[in-house]
Amino acid sequence: MGQQLRWIVEAYRGMYVHATAFKVQVSGDVGAPKQMWRYTVAIGRNADHTDWEYGPEADFPSYLTRKAAEQAALEIGKRVIDVIQDLG
């Protein structure tokens, strides 16, 4: 049974952060979890996730839960928006 992706969209400083988390298989040390969560994040000027102006981007760390990966994606997206707004 496949996992279902869900997009989270959050408004921030006149732009929108679009984030989704997904499971990945990891090969790690003995006792480490075999499945972890990663995310993809994109930035747009409206809430429609098909109209990205920046992204998608992903980081390399893995997270133990979907919620943790989603929160990391939102935080990174907000940092990107801060840079865009502060430069503009």
PDB file of N, CA and C in Angstrom:
ATOM      1  N   MET A   1       0.831  -1.172   0.000  1.00  0.00           N
ATOM      2  CA  MET A   1       0.000   0.000   0.000  1.00  0.00           C
ATOM      3  C   MET A   1       0.878   1.238   0.000  1.00  0.00           C
ATOM      4  N   GLY A   2       0.678   2.141  -0.962  1.00  0.00           N
ATOM      5  CA  GLY A   2       1.517   3.321  -1.085  1.00  0.00           C
ATOM      6  C   GLY A   2       1.127   4.402  -0.092  1.00  0.00           C
ATOM      7  N   GLN A   3       2.080   5.249   0.194  1.00  0.00           N
ATOM      8  CA  GLN A   3       1.794   6.360   1.091  1.00  0.00           C
ATOM      9  C   GLN A   3       1.115   7.484   0.324  1.00  0.00           C
ATOM     10  N   GLN A   4       0.284   8.219   0.988  1.00  0.00           N
ATOM     11  CA  GLN A   4      -0.410   9.318   0.357  1.00  0.00           C
ATOM     12  C   GLN A   4       0.285  10.624   0.723  1.00  0.00           C
ATOM     13  N   LEU A   5       0.702  11.378  -0.286  1.00  0.00           N
ATOM     14  CA  LEU A   5       1.337  12.664  -0.027  1.00  0.00           C
ATOM     15  C   LEU A   5       0.269  13.698   0.294  1.00  0.00           C
ATOM     16  N   ARG A   6       0.588  14.575   1.223  1.00  0.00           N
ATOM     17  CA  ARG A   6      -0.311  15.683   1.524  1.00  0.00           C
ATOM     18  C   ARG A   6       0.514  16.951   1.553  1.00  0.00           C
ATOM     19  N   TRP A   7       0.001  17.968   0.923  1.00  0.00           N
ATOM     20  CA  TRP A   7       0.676  19.254   0.896  1.00  0.00           C
ATOM     21  C   TRP A   7       0.161  20.117   2.022  1.00  0.00           C
ATOM     22  N   ILE A   8       1.065  20.768   2.698  1.00  0.00           N
ATOM     23  CA  ILE A   8       0.735  21.770   3.706  1.00  0.00           C
ATOM     24  C   ILE A   8       1.109  23.114   3.098  1.00  0.00           C
ATOM     25  N   VAL A   9       0.200  24.065   3.171  1.00  0.00           N
ATOM     26  CA  VAL A   9       0.467  25.405   2.650  1.00  0.00           C
ATOM     27  C   VAL A   9       0.261  26.387   3.800  1.00  0.00           C
ATOM     28  N   GLU A  10       1.282  27.206   4.043  1.00  0.00           N
ATOM     29  CA  GLU A  10       1.198  28.178   5.128  1.00  0.00           C
ATOM     30  C   GLU A  10       1.603  29.555   4.619  1.00  0.00           C
ATOM     31  N   ALA A  11       0.752  30.544   4.877  1.00  0.00           N
ATOM     32  CA  ALA A  11       1.046  31.922   4.497  1.00  0.00           C
ATOM     33  C   ALA A  11       2.094  32.501   5.432  1.00  0.00           C
ATOM     34  N   TYR A  12       3.007  33.296   4.854  1.00  0.00           N
ATOM     35  CA  TYR A  12       4.048  33.929   5.655  1.00  0.00           C
ATOM     36  C   TYR A  12       4.577  35.150   4.909  1.00  0.00           C
ATOM     37  N   ARG A  13       4.447  36.318   5.484  1.00  0.00           N
ATOM     38  CA  ARG A  13       4.975  37.568   4.943  1.00  0.00           C
ATOM     39  C   ARG A  13       4.559  37.813   3.499  1.00  0.00           C
ATOM     40  N   GLY A  14       3.314  37.536   3.167  1.00  0.00           N
ATOM     41  CA  GLY A  14       2.796  37.803   1.831  1.00  0.00           C
ATOM     42  C   GLY A  14       3.141  36.746   0.799  1.00  0.00           C
ATOM     43  N   MET A  15       3.759  35.647   1.214  1.00  0.00           N
ATOM     44  CA  MET A  15       4.069  34.549   0.313  1.00  0.00           C
ATOM     45  C   MET A  15       3.558  33.265   0.959  1.00  0.00           C
ATOM     46  N   TYR A  16       3.802  32.147   0.302  1.00  0.00           N
ATOM     47  CA  TYR A  16       3.316  30.866   0.813  1.00  0.00           C
ATOM     48  C   TYR A  16       4.430  29.824   0.795  1.00  0.00           C
ATOM     49  N   VAL A  17       4.479  29.049   1.868  1.00  0.00           N
ATOM     50  CA  VAL A  17       5.385  27.906   1.947  1.00  0.00           C
ATOM     51  C   VAL A  17       4.553  26.665   1.639  1.00  0.00           C
ATOM     52  N   HIS A  18       5.023  25.854   0.702  1.00  0.00           N
ATOM     53  CA  HIS A  18       4.380  24.599   0.331  1.00  0.00           C
ATOM     54  C   HIS A  18       5.305  23.474   0.772  1.00  0.00           C
ATOM     55  N   ALA A  19       4.789  22.530   1.554  1.00  0.00           N
ATOM     56  CA  ALA A  19       5.642  21.472   2.086  1.00  0.00           C
ATOM     57  C   ALA A  19       4.933  20.125   2.038  1.00  0.00           C
ATOM     58  N   THR A  20       5.704  19.085   1.806  1.00  0.00           N
ATOM     59  CA  THR A  20       5.197  17.727   1.903  1.00  0.00           C
ATOM     60  C   THR A  20       6.301  16.840   2.476  1.00  0.00           C
ATOM     61  N   ALA A  21       5.911  15.810   3.185  1.00  0.00           N
ATOM     62  CA  ALA A  21       6.867  14.869   3.763  1.00  0.00           C
ATOM     63  C   ALA A  21       6.607  13.486   3.173  1.00  0.00           C
ATOM     64  N   PHE A  22       7.660  12.689   3.086  1.00  0.00           N
ATOM     65  CA  PHE A  22       7.535  11.352   2.514  1.00  0.00           C
ATOM     66  C   PHE A  22       8.502  10.412   3.203  1.00  0.00           C
ATOM     67  N   LYS A  23       8.126   9.138   3.233  1.00  0.00           N
ATOM     68  CA  LYS A  23       8.978   8.122   3.866  1.00  0.00           C
ATOM     69  C   LYS A  23      10.066   7.675   2.911  1.00  0.00           C
ATOM     70  N   VAL A  24      11.228   7.394   3.488  1.00  0.00           N
ATOM     71  CA  VAL A  24      12.343   6.847   2.714  1.00  0.00           C
ATOM     72  C   VAL A  24      12.926   5.673   3.468  1.00  0.00           C
ATOM     73  N   GLN A  25      13.444   4.732   2.740  1.00  0.00           N
ATOM     74  CA  GLN A  25      14.177   3.609   3.330  1.00  0.00           C
ATOM     75  C   GLN A  25      15.607   4.077   3.570  1.00  0.00           C
ATOM     76  N   VAL A  26      16.116   3.825   4.741  1.00  0.00           N
ATOM     77  CA  VAL A  26      17.494   4.198   5.043  1.00  0.00           C
ATOM     78  C   VAL A  26      18.262   2.967   5.490  1.00  0.00           C
ATOM     79  N   SER A  27      19.513   2.948   5.124  1.00  0.00           N
ATOM     80  CA  SER A  27      20.375   1.881   5.638  1.00  0.00           C
ATOM     81  C   SER A  27      21.278   2.549   6.651  1.00  0.00           C
ATOM     82  N   GLY A  28      21.195   2.106   7.857  1.00  0.00           N
ATOM     83  CA  GLY A  28      21.960   2.758   8.917  1.00  0.00           C
ATOM     84  C   GLY A  28      22.600   1.747   9.832  1.00  0.00           C
ATOM     85  N   ASP A  29      22.990   2.223  10.968  1.00  0.00           N
ATOM     86  CA  ASP A  29      23.608   1.378  11.973  1.00  0.00           C
ATOM     87  C   ASP A  29      22.601   0.391  12.539  1.00  0.00           C
ATOM     88  N   VAL A  30      23.111  -0.626  13.186  1.00  0.00           N
ATOM     89  CA  VAL A  30      22.257  -1.609  13.836  1.00  0.00           C
ATOM     90  C   VAL A  30      21.400  -0.894  14.881  1.00  0.00           C
ATOM     91  N   GLY A  31      20.118  -1.166  14.871  1.00  0.00           N
ATOM     92  CA  GLY A  31      19.204  -0.543  15.813  1.00  0.00           C
ATOM     93  C   GLY A  31      18.591   0.759  15.321  1.00  0.00           C
ATOM     94  N   ALA A  32      19.098   1.304  14.215  1.00  0.00           N
ATOM     95  CA  ALA A  32      18.533   2.535  13.671  1.00  0.00           C
ATOM     96  C   ALA A  32      17.246   2.218  12.923  1.00  0.00           C
ATOM     97  N   PRO A  33      16.309   3.145  12.902  1.00  0.00           N
ATOM     98  CA  PRO A  33      15.059   2.913  12.166  1.00  0.00           C
ATOM     99  C   PRO A  33      15.343   2.669  10.681  1.00  0.00           C
ATOM    100  N   LYS A  34      14.563   1.803  10.079  1.00  0.00           N
ATOM    101  CA  LYS A  34      14.738   1.497   8.659  1.00  0.00           C
ATOM    102  C   LYS A  34      13.973   2.465   7.766  1.00  0.00           C
ATOM    103  N   GLN A  35      12.939   3.119   8.316  1.00  0.00           N
ATOM    104  CA  GLN A  35      12.194   4.108   7.554  1.00  0.00           C
ATOM    105  C   GLN A  35      12.234   5.438   8.290  1.00  0.00           C
ATOM    106  N   MET A  36      12.511   6.480   7.543  1.00  0.00           N
ATOM    107  CA  MET A  36      12.569   7.824   8.105  1.00  0.00           C
ATOM    108  C   MET A  36      11.739   8.734   7.186  1.00  0.00           C
ATOM    109  N   TRP A  37      11.572   9.971   7.610  1.00  0.00           N
ATOM    110  CA  TRP A  37      10.813  10.956   6.835  1.00  0.00           C
ATOM    111  C   TRP A  37      11.738  12.042   6.329  1.00  0.00           C
ATOM    112  N   ARG A  38      11.512  12.474   5.107  1.00  0.00           N
ATOM    113  CA  ARG A  38      12.201  13.622   4.514  1.00  0.00           C
ATOM    114  C   ARG A  38      11.140  14.551   3.953  1.00  0.00           C
ATOM    115  N   TYR A  39      11.558  15.719   3.491  1.00  0.00           N
ATOM    116  CA  TYR A  39      10.565  16.662   2.975  1.00  0.00           C
ATOM    117  C   TYR A  39      11.004  17.312   1.685  1.00  0.00           C
ATOM    118  N   THR A  40      10.035  17.899   1.020  1.00  0.00           N
ATOM    119  CA  THR A  40      10.251  18.785  -0.112  1.00  0.00           C
ATOM    120  C   THR A  40       9.532  20.082   0.217  1.00  0.00           C
ATOM    121  N   VAL A  41      10.155  21.190  -0.092  1.00  0.00           N
ATOM    122  CA  VAL A  41       9.560  22.494   0.195  1.00  0.00           C
ATOM    123  C   VAL A  41       9.688  23.381  -1.030  1.00  0.00           C
ATOM    124  N   ALA A  42       8.679  24.215  -1.247  1.00  0.00           N
ATOM    125  CA  ALA A  42       8.695  25.180  -2.346  1.00  0.00           C
ATOM    126  C   ALA A  42       8.075  26.475  -1.839  1.00  0.00           C
ATOM    127  N   ILE A  43       8.390  27.563  -2.508  1.00  0.00           N
ATOM    128  CA  ILE A  43       7.882  28.878  -2.131  1.00  0.00           C
ATOM    129  C   ILE A  43       7.115  29.438  -3.323  1.00  0.00           C
ATOM    130  N   GLY A  44       5.960  30.039  -3.048  1.00  0.00           N
ATOM    131  CA  GLY A  44       5.175  30.653  -4.113  1.00  0.00           C
ATOM    132  C   GLY A  44       4.546  31.952  -3.655  1.00  0.00           C
ATOM    133  N   ARG A  45       4.054  32.707  -4.611  1.00  0.00           N
ATOM    134  CA  ARG A  45       3.400  33.972  -4.282  1.00  0.00           C
ATOM    135  C   ARG A  45       1.893  33.809  -4.096  1.00  0.00           C
ATOM    136  N   ASN A  46       1.359  32.606  -4.332  1.00  0.00           N
ATOM    137  CA  ASN A  46      -0.045  32.349  -4.031  1.00  0.00           C
ATOM    138  C   ASN A  46      -0.175  30.956  -3.440  1.00  0.00           C
ATOM    139  N   ALA A  47      -1.372  30.616  -2.997  1.00  0.00           N
ATOM    140  CA  ALA A  47      -1.581  29.359  -2.271  1.00  0.00           C
ATOM    141  C   ALA A  47      -1.685  28.148  -3.194  1.00  0.00           C
ATOM    142  N   ASP A  48      -1.731  28.357  -4.498  1.00  0.00           N
ATOM    143  CA  ASP A  48      -1.830  27.248  -5.445  1.00  0.00           C
ATOM    144  C   ASP A  48      -0.464  26.595  -5.592  1.00  0.00           C
ATOM    145  N   HIS A  49      -0.335  25.342  -5.154  1.00  0.00           N
ATOM    146  CA  HIS A  49       0.989  24.711  -5.164  1.00  0.00           C
ATOM    147  C   HIS A  49       1.490  24.338  -6.555  1.00  0.00           C
ATOM    148  N   THR A  50       0.716  24.627  -7.591  1.00  0.00           N
ATOM    149  CA  THR A  50       1.219  24.405  -8.950  1.00  0.00           C
ATOM    150  C   THR A  50       1.907  25.654  -9.487  1.00  0.00           C
ATOM    151  N   ASP A  51       1.940  26.732  -8.710  1.00  0.00           N
ATOM    152  CA  ASP A  51       2.526  27.990  -9.157  1.00  0.00           C
ATOM    153  C   ASP A  51       3.726  28.370  -8.289  1.00  0.00           C
ATOM    154  N   TRP A  52       4.709  27.488  -8.211  1.00  0.00           N
ATOM    155  CA  TRP A  52       5.898  27.756  -7.427  1.00  0.00           C
ATOM    156  C   TRP A  52       6.809  28.710  -8.162  1.00  0.00           C
ATOM    157  N   GLU A  53       7.393  29.608  -7.422  1.00  0.00           N
ATOM    158  CA  GLU A  53       8.423  30.453  -8.005  1.00  0.00           C
ATOM    159  C   GLU A  53       9.807  30.004  -7.578  1.00  0.00           C
ATOM    160  N   TYR A  54       9.878  29.355  -6.454  1.00  0.00           N
ATOM    161  CA  TYR A  54      11.149  28.858  -5.930  1.00  0.00           C
ATOM    162  C   TYR A  54      10.917  27.443  -5.443  1.00  0.00           C
ATOM    163  N   GLY A  55      11.839  26.541  -5.705  1.00  0.00           N
ATOM    164  CA  GLY A  55      11.666  25.177  -5.226  1.00  0.00           C
ATOM    165  C   GLY A  55      11.409  24.256  -6.397  1.00  0.00           C
ATOM    166  N   PRO A  56      11.171  23.012  -6.166  1.00  0.00           N
ATOM    167  CA  PRO A  56      11.223  22.387  -4.839  1.00  0.00           C
ATOM    168  C   PRO A  56      12.653  22.124  -4.382  1.00  0.00           C
ATOM    169  N   GLU A  57      12.834  22.138  -3.106  1.00  0.00           N
ATOM    170  CA  GLU A  57      14.120  21.836  -2.484  1.00  0.00           C
ATOM    171  C   GLU A  57      13.910  20.786  -1.412  1.00  0.00           C
ATOM    172  N   ALA A  58      14.935  20.060  -1.115  1.00  0.00           N
ATOM    173  CA  ALA A  58      14.867  19.064  -0.048  1.00  0.00           C
ATOM    174  C   ALA A  58      16.186  19.087   0.706  1.00  0.00           C
ATOM    175  N   ASP A  59      16.155  18.760   1.971  1.00  0.00           N
ATOM    176  CA  ASP A  59      17.394  18.649   2.710  1.00  0.00           C
ATOM    177  C   ASP A  59      17.740  17.179   2.856  1.00  0.00           C
ATOM    178  N   PHE A  60      18.917  16.896   3.365  1.00  0.00           N
ATOM    179  CA  PHE A  60      19.353  15.512   3.463  1.00  0.00           C
ATOM    180  C   PHE A  60      19.047  14.834   4.787  1.00  0.00           C
ATOM    181  N   PRO A  61      18.897  15.591   5.891  1.00  0.00           N
ATOM    182  CA  PRO A  61      18.588  14.900   7.144  1.00  0.00           C
ATOM    183  C   PRO A  61      17.253  14.171   7.082  1.00  0.00           C
ATOM    184  N   SER A  62      17.127  13.147   7.855  1.00  0.00           N
ATOM    185  CA  SER A  62      15.892  12.396   7.950  1.00  0.00           C
ATOM    186  C   SER A  62      15.279  12.640   9.329  1.00  0.00           C
ATOM    187  N   TYR A  63      13.980  12.529   9.404  1.00  0.00           N
ATOM    188  CA  TYR A  63      13.241  12.792  10.629  1.00  0.00           C
ATOM    189  C   TYR A  63      12.478  11.543  11.028  1.00  0.00           C
ATOM    190  N   LEU A  64      12.231  11.380  12.315  1.00  0.00           N
ATOM    191  CA  LEU A  64      11.563  10.178  12.813  1.00  0.00           C
ATOM    192  C   LEU A  64      10.070  10.171  12.522  1.00  0.00           C
ATOM    193  N   THR A  65       9.455  11.347  12.411  1.00  0.00           N
ATOM    194  CA  THR A  65       8.009  11.405  12.170  1.00  0.00           C
ATOM    195  C   THR A  65       7.685  12.327  11.010  1.00  0.00           C
ATOM    196  N   ARG A  66       6.513  12.108  10.435  1.00  0.00           N
ATOM    197  CA  ARG A  66       6.031  12.968   9.363  1.00  0.00           C
ATOM    198  C   ARG A  66       5.901  14.407   9.869  1.00  0.00           C
ATOM    199  N   LYS A  67       5.343  14.572  11.050  1.00  0.00           N
ATOM    200  CA  LYS A  67       5.125  15.902  11.624  1.00  0.00           C
ATOM    201  C   LYS A  67       6.442  16.661  11.768  1.00  0.00           C
ATOM    202  N   ALA A  68       7.489  15.995  12.212  1.00  0.00           N
ATOM    203  CA  ALA A  68       8.791  16.648  12.368  1.00  0.00           C
ATOM    204  C   ALA A  68       9.340  17.101  11.019  1.00  0.00           C
ATOM    205  N   ALA A  69       9.199  16.275   9.996  1.00  0.00           N
ATOM    206  CA  ALA A  69       9.670  16.638   8.658  1.00  0.00           C
ATOM    207  C   ALA A  69       8.865  17.813   8.112  1.00  0.00           C
ATOM    208  N   GLU A  70       7.544  17.797   8.315  1.00  0.00           N
ATOM    209  CA  GLU A  70       6.707  18.899   7.842  1.00  0.00           C
ATOM    210  C   GLU A  70       7.076  20.206   8.538  1.00  0.00           C
ATOM    211  N   GLN A  71       7.304  20.158   9.836  1.00  0.00           N
ATOM    212  CA  GLN A  71       7.673  21.366  10.577  1.00  0.00           C
ATOM    213  C   GLN A  71       9.030  21.899  10.128  1.00  0.00           C
ATOM    214  N   ALA A  72       9.961  21.004   9.842  1.00  0.00           N
ATOM    215  CA  ALA A  72      11.276  21.431   9.341  1.00  0.00           C
ATOM    216  C   ALA A  72      11.118  22.112   7.986  1.00  0.00           C
ATOM    217  N   ALA A  73      10.289  21.557   7.122  1.00  0.00           N
ATOM    218  CA  ALA A  73      10.061  22.141   5.801  1.00  0.00           C
ATOM    219  C   ALA A  73       9.463  23.539   5.919  1.00  0.00           C
ATOM    220  N   LEU A  74       8.473  23.700   6.781  1.00  0.00           N
ATOM    221  CA  LEU A  74       7.857  25.012   6.968  1.00  0.00           C
ATOM    222  C   LEU A  74       8.866  26.024   7.501  1.00  0.00           C
ATOM    223  N   GLU A  75       9.703  25.600   8.417  1.00  0.00           N
ATOM    224  CA  GLU A  75      10.703  26.504   8.990  1.00  0.00           C
ATOM    225  C   GLU A  75      11.726  26.934   7.934  1.00  0.00           C
ATOM    226  N   ILE A  76      12.196  26.000   7.131  1.00  0.00           N
ATOM    227  CA  ILE A  76      13.143  26.342   6.059  1.00  0.00           C
ATOM    228  C   ILE A  76      12.485  27.280   5.058  1.00  0.00           C
ATOM    229  N   GLY A  77      11.243  26.982   4.687  1.00  0.00           N
ATOM    230  CA  GLY A  77      10.523  27.845   3.754  1.00  0.00           C
ATOM    231  C   GLY A  77      10.389  29.266   4.272  1.00  0.00           C
ATOM    232  N   LYS A  78      10.099  29.421   5.551  1.00  0.00           N
ATOM    233  CA  LYS A  78       9.981  30.755   6.145  1.00  0.00           C
ATOM    234  C   LYS A  78      11.322  31.477   6.132  1.00  0.00           C
ATOM    235  N   ARG A  79      12.391  30.763   6.362  1.00  0.00           N
ATOM    236  CA  ARG A  79      13.725  31.389   6.297  1.00  0.00           C
ATOM    237  C   ARG A  79      14.026  31.899   4.891  1.00  0.00           C
ATOM    238  N   VAL A  80      13.646  31.111   3.883  1.00  0.00           N
ATOM    239  CA  VAL A  80      13.854  31.529   2.494  1.00  0.00           C
ATOM    240  C   VAL A  80      13.040  32.787   2.205  1.00  0.00           C
ATOM    241  N   ILE A  81      11.790  32.818   2.665  1.00  0.00           N
ATOM    242  CA  ILE A  81      10.952  33.999   2.453  1.00  0.00           C
ATOM    243  C   ILE A  81      11.563  35.217   3.162  1.00  0.00           C
ATOM    244  N   ASP A  82      12.095  35.019   4.373  1.00  0.00           N
ATOM    245  CA  ASP A  82      12.758  36.136   5.061  1.00  0.00           C
ATOM    246  C   ASP A  82      13.879  36.707   4.215  1.00  0.00           C
ATOM    247  N   VAL A  83      14.685  35.860   3.626  1.00  0.00           N
ATOM    248  CA  VAL A  83      15.794  36.321   2.782  1.00  0.00           C
ATOM    249  C   VAL A  83      15.263  37.055   1.563  1.00  0.00           C
ATOM    250  N   ILE A  84      14.264  36.473   0.897  1.00  0.00           N
ATOM    251  CA  ILE A  84      13.685  37.114  -0.295  1.00  0.00           C
ATOM    252  C   ILE A  84      13.122  38.480   0.057  1.00  0.00           C
ATOM    253  N   GLN A  85      12.353  38.562   1.141  1.00  0.00           N
ATOM    254  CA  GLN A  85      11.727  39.825   1.534  1.00  0.00           C
ATOM    255  C   GLN A  85      12.785  40.857   1.962  1.00  0.00           C
ATOM    256  N   ASP A  86      13.788  40.420   2.675  1.00  0.00           N
ATOM    257  CA  ASP A  86      14.796  41.348   3.164  1.00  0.00           C
ATOM    258  C   ASP A  86      15.707  41.857   2.046  1.00  0.00           C
ATOM    259  N   LEU A  87      15.887  41.077   0.982  1.00  0.00           N
ATOM    260  CA  LEU A  87      16.700  41.510  -0.148  1.00  0.00           C
ATOM    261  C   LEU A  87      15.917  42.407  -1.106  1.00  0.00           C
ATOM    262  N   GLY A  88      14.587  42.216  -1.117  1.00  0.00           N
ATOM    263  CA  GLY A  88      13.745  42.943  -2.073  1.00  0.00           C
ATOM    264  C   GLY A  88      13.347  44.255  -1.561  1.00  0.00           C
TER     265      GLY A  88
END
